[in-house]
Amino acid sequence: MPLIETKDKQAPGASSTRTHDPAVHRFHVWSSTFWQFLRYCLVGAANTVIDLLALNILLWRFPTNNVQVLVVYNSIAYISGAVSSFFLNKYWTFRRKQRTTSREVVRFAISLSLEILYSNGLVWLAGKALQPLIANTTLWGNASKLVAVAVGAVLSYTCMRFWTFASRSHDRPKKRGTVHQTAIGSASIPASSTMEHAHHSVENERGR
């Protein structure tokens, strides 16, 4: 009776694929994060235009060189771009296609409140530092605002990326488990077929 070899043969490229999988995964993660941050910057640029437009309207209508008043103007201008920021970041930057949930709204409101606080703090510090250097109230207000925008962009992205629109990870193991089970099932079919074929071969040999 011929010996039946049942040992699985490893595919030639299997080991190399396993070796390169972590590297490919890391590249995909970094690439995805880069393009996501780029989209966030584009949305931020649009919101900054709205923000600065509102601030300049206030400075034009009610000129001031008082830092406290500038902080109030900054709060109003910042809120004016908040709604567009929420929807553009949700549906375009972070690709969240589901309906807006109360969880997201509450988190965005908390995030926005924190952003206004640190933006006002940065505007206040920049306004104090630039006030002796810039006499024009409009130029002084815009320069202080731009300093706050530059520092706040990174902080705002981090808050939205890892908290407001953070992915829920409890669905991921299920998907991986499904793929793993499918792979095991597909791999077991040829194995069972091989054993059945071997059994028939043995029976034929005995019949002879």
Protein backbone atom coordinates (compact mmCIF):
# COMPACT_ATOMS: atom_id res chain seq x y z
CA MET A 1 0.00 0.00 0.00
CA PRO A 2 1.53 3.31 -1.01
CA LEU A 3 2.36 5.80 1.70
CA ILE A 4 0.11 8.84 1.70
CA GLU A 5 1.85 12.09 2.53
CA THR A 6 -0.57 14.30 4.45
CA LYS A 7 1.89 16.96 5.59
CA ASP A 8 0.87 20.39 4.43
CA LYS A 9 3.20 22.02 1.98
CA GLN A 10 3.99 25.63 2.65
CA ALA A 11 3.41 28.03 -0.21
CA PRO A 12 6.67 29.51 -1.53
CA GLY A 13 5.71 33.11 -0.77
CA ALA A 14 3.99 32.47 2.58
CA SER A 15 6.95 33.25 4.84
CA SER A 16 7.90 36.37 2.90
CA THR A 17 4.30 37.59 3.02
CA ARG A 18 4.20 37.18 6.79
CA THR A 19 7.52 39.02 7.05
CA HIS A 20 6.36 42.01 5.02
CA ASP A 21 2.81 42.25 6.48
CA PRO A 22 3.81 44.38 9.52
CA ALA A 23 5.84 46.73 7.33
CA VAL A 24 2.97 47.12 4.85
CA HIS A 25 0.53 47.68 7.70
CA ARG A 26 2.74 50.39 9.24
CA PHE A 27 3.11 52.10 5.86
CA HIS A 28 -0.66 52.01 5.34
CA VAL A 29 -1.27 53.51 8.80
CA TRP A 30 1.22 56.33 8.30
CA SER A 31 -0.07 57.05 4.79
CA SER A 32 -3.68 57.10 5.97
CA THR A 33 -2.81 59.41 8.87
CA PHE A 34 -0.88 61.77 6.58
CA TRP A 35 -3.74 62.17 4.09
CA GLN A 36 -6.23 62.47 6.92
CA PHE A 37 -4.18 65.29 8.49
CA LEU A 38 -3.89 66.96 5.07
CA ARG A 39 -7.69 66.91 4.69
CA TYR A 40 -7.97 68.28 8.20
CA CYS A 41 -5.62 71.14 7.31
CA LEU A 42 -7.72 72.00 4.23
CA VAL A 43 -10.88 72.06 6.32
CA GLY A 44 -9.02 74.12 8.91
CA ALA A 45 -7.98 76.60 6.23
CA ALA A 46 -11.61 77.08 5.17
CA ASN A 47 -12.70 77.50 8.77
CA THR A 48 -9.86 79.94 9.41
CA VAL A 49 -11.08 82.10 6.54
CA ILE A 50 -14.55 82.21 8.14
CA ASP A 51 -12.98 82.85 11.54
CA LEU A 52 -10.76 85.69 10.33
CA LEU A 53 -13.60 87.20 8.31
CA ALA A 54 -15.81 87.36 11.39
CA LEU A 55 -12.96 88.78 13.48
CA ASN A 56 -12.17 91.48 10.93
CA ILE A 57 -15.83 92.49 10.68
CA LEU A 58 -15.86 92.97 14.46
CA LEU A 59 -12.56 94.90 14.42
CA TRP A 60 -13.81 97.06 11.55
CA ARG A 61 -17.15 97.83 13.18
CA PHE A 62 -15.87 98.09 16.76
CA PRO A 63 -12.12 98.90 16.75
CA THR A 64 -10.24 98.15 19.96
CA ASN A 65 -6.74 97.76 21.33
CA ASN A 66 -7.95 96.12 24.53
CA VAL A 67 -6.79 92.52 24.90
CA GLN A 68 -9.89 91.47 26.86
CA VAL A 69 -12.20 92.77 24.13
CA LEU A 70 -10.06 91.02 21.51
CA VAL A 71 -10.58 87.77 23.43
CA VAL A 72 -14.36 88.27 23.26
CA TYR A 73 -14.13 88.94 19.51
CA ASN A 74 -12.03 85.80 19.12
CA SER A 75 -14.66 83.69 20.89
CA ILE A 76 -17.42 84.92 18.57
CA ALA A 77 -15.26 84.42 15.47
CA TYR A 78 -14.17 80.95 16.57
CA ILE A 79 -17.73 79.76 17.11
CA SER A 80 -18.73 81.06 13.66
CA GLY A 81 -16.60 78.39 11.96
CA ALA A 82 -17.49 75.58 14.37
CA VAL A 83 -20.54 74.19 12.54
CA SER A 84 -18.79 73.87 9.17
CA SER A 85 -15.78 72.38 10.93
CA PHE A 86 -17.93 69.68 12.56
CA PHE A 87 -19.63 68.47 9.38
CA LEU A 88 -16.62 68.75 7.06
CA ASN A 89 -14.39 66.88 9.51
CA LYS A 90 -17.00 64.23 10.22
CA TYR A 91 -17.95 63.36 6.64
CA TRP A 92 -14.75 64.20 4.76
CA THR A 93 -11.71 64.24 7.04
CA PHE A 94 -12.57 61.24 9.24
CA ARG A 95 -14.96 59.47 6.80
CA ARG A 96 -17.79 58.89 9.29
CA LYS A 97 -20.80 58.13 7.08
CA GLN A 98 -23.29 57.22 9.79
CA ARG A 99 -25.82 59.67 11.18
CA THR A 100 -24.66 62.27 13.68
CA THR A 101 -25.07 60.85 17.18
CA SER A 102 -25.68 62.65 20.46
CA ARG A 103 -22.34 61.23 21.62
CA GLU A 104 -20.52 63.04 18.82
CA VAL A 105 -22.44 66.29 19.41
CA VAL A 106 -21.66 66.28 23.14
CA ARG A 107 -18.01 65.45 22.54
CA PHE A 108 -17.74 68.14 19.88
CA ALA A 109 -19.32 70.72 22.21
CA ILE A 110 -16.84 69.83 24.96
CA SER A 111 -13.98 69.84 22.46
CA LEU A 112 -15.10 73.23 21.09
CA SER A 113 -15.28 74.71 24.59
CA LEU A 114 -11.74 73.56 25.32
CA GLU A 115 -10.53 74.88 21.96
CA ILE A 116 -12.07 78.31 22.65
CA LEU A 117 -10.37 78.39 26.05
CA TYR A 118 -6.90 77.64 24.73
CA SER A 119 -7.45 79.83 21.66
CA ASN A 120 -8.39 82.75 23.90
CA GLY A 121 -5.37 82.03 26.07
CA LEU A 122 -3.07 82.05 23.03
CA VAL A 123 -4.71 85.21 21.64
CA TRP A 124 -4.31 86.91 25.01
CA LEU A 125 -0.61 85.98 25.24
CA ALA A 126 0.09 86.95 21.61
CA GLY A 127 -1.90 90.18 22.00
CA LYS A 128 0.09 91.17 25.06
CA ALA A 129 3.39 90.38 23.34
CA LEU A 130 2.56 92.12 20.04
CA GLN A 131 0.72 95.15 21.43
CA PRO A 132 3.90 97.25 21.96
CA LEU A 133 5.13 96.32 18.47
CA ILE A 134 2.01 96.86 16.31
CA ALA A 135 0.07 100.13 16.51
CA ASN A 136 -2.65 99.32 13.96
CA THR A 137 -5.54 97.63 15.77
CA THR A 138 -6.64 95.50 12.78
CA LEU A 139 -3.11 94.28 12.05
CA TRP A 140 -2.49 93.64 15.75
CA GLY A 141 -5.69 91.63 16.12
CA ASN A 142 -4.99 89.52 13.01
CA ALA A 143 -1.37 88.83 13.98
CA SER A 144 -2.46 87.68 17.44
CA LYS A 145 -5.15 85.50 15.89
CA LEU A 146 -2.77 83.84 13.41
CA VAL A 147 -0.35 82.91 16.19
CA ALA A 148 -3.24 81.25 18.05
CA VAL A 149 -4.40 79.45 14.89
CA ALA A 150 -0.95 78.01 14.15
CA VAL A 151 -0.53 76.53 17.63
CA GLY A 152 -4.17 75.47 17.97
CA ALA A 153 -4.33 73.50 14.70
CA VAL A 154 -2.25 70.60 16.00
CA LEU A 155 -4.08 70.52 19.34
CA SER A 156 -7.48 70.58 17.63
CA TYR A 157 -6.56 67.77 15.21
CA THR A 158 -5.33 65.58 18.06
CA CYS A 159 -8.54 66.13 20.02
CA MET A 160 -10.81 65.31 17.05
CA ARG A 161 -8.73 62.37 15.78
CA PHE A 162 -8.40 60.52 19.06
CA TRP A 163 -11.55 61.55 20.93
CA THR A 164 -14.42 63.26 19.05
CA PHE A 165 -14.39 60.98 15.96
CA ALA A 166 -12.43 58.08 17.43
CA SER A 167 -13.28 54.71 15.86
CA ARG A 168 -14.96 52.13 18.04
CA SER A 169 -12.55 49.20 18.11
CA HIS A 170 -14.93 46.52 19.44
CA ASP A 171 -16.06 45.63 15.89
CA ARG A 172 -12.55 44.96 14.61
CA PRO A 173 -11.90 41.63 16.40
CA LYS A 174 -15.20 40.28 15.04
CA LYS A 175 -14.14 41.03 11.48
CA ARG A 176 -10.73 39.48 12.02
CA GLY A 177 -12.33 36.44 13.63
CA THR A 178 -14.69 36.04 10.67
CA VAL A 179 -11.81 36.20 8.20
CA HIS A 180 -9.83 33.73 10.31
CA GLN A 181 -12.74 31.28 10.47
CA THR A 182 -13.30 31.60 6.73
CA ALA A 183 -9.64 30.87 6.10
CA ILE A 184 -9.73 27.83 8.37
CA GLY A 185 -12.91 26.56 6.72
CA SER A 186 -11.53 26.97 3.23
CA ALA A 187 -8.31 25.26 4.26
CA SER A 188 -10.12 22.32 5.86
CA ILE A 189 -12.13 21.48 2.72
CA PRO A 190 -9.16 20.36 0.61
CA ALA A 191 -7.72 18.47 3.61
CA SER A 192 -10.93 16.47 4.15
CA SER A 193 -11.16 15.80 0.41
CA THR A 194 -7.60 14.47 0.44
CA MET A 195 -8.32 12.12 3.34
CA GLU A 196 -11.50 10.86 1.69
CA HIS A 197 -9.64 10.22 -1.56
CA ALA A 198 -6.94 8.36 0.37
CA HIS A 199 -9.57 6.22 2.10
CA HIS A 200 -11.11 5.22 -1.25
CA SER A 201 -7.68 4.35 -2.60
CA VAL A 202 -7.03 2.02 0.33
CA GLU A 203 -10.42 0.32 -0.14
CA ASN A 204 -9.70 -0.21 -3.85
CA GLU A 205 -6.32 -1.75 -3.05
CA ARG A 206 -7.96 -4.20 -0.61
CA GLY A 207 -10.67 -5.08 -3.15
CA ARG A 208 -8.05 -6.13 -5.63
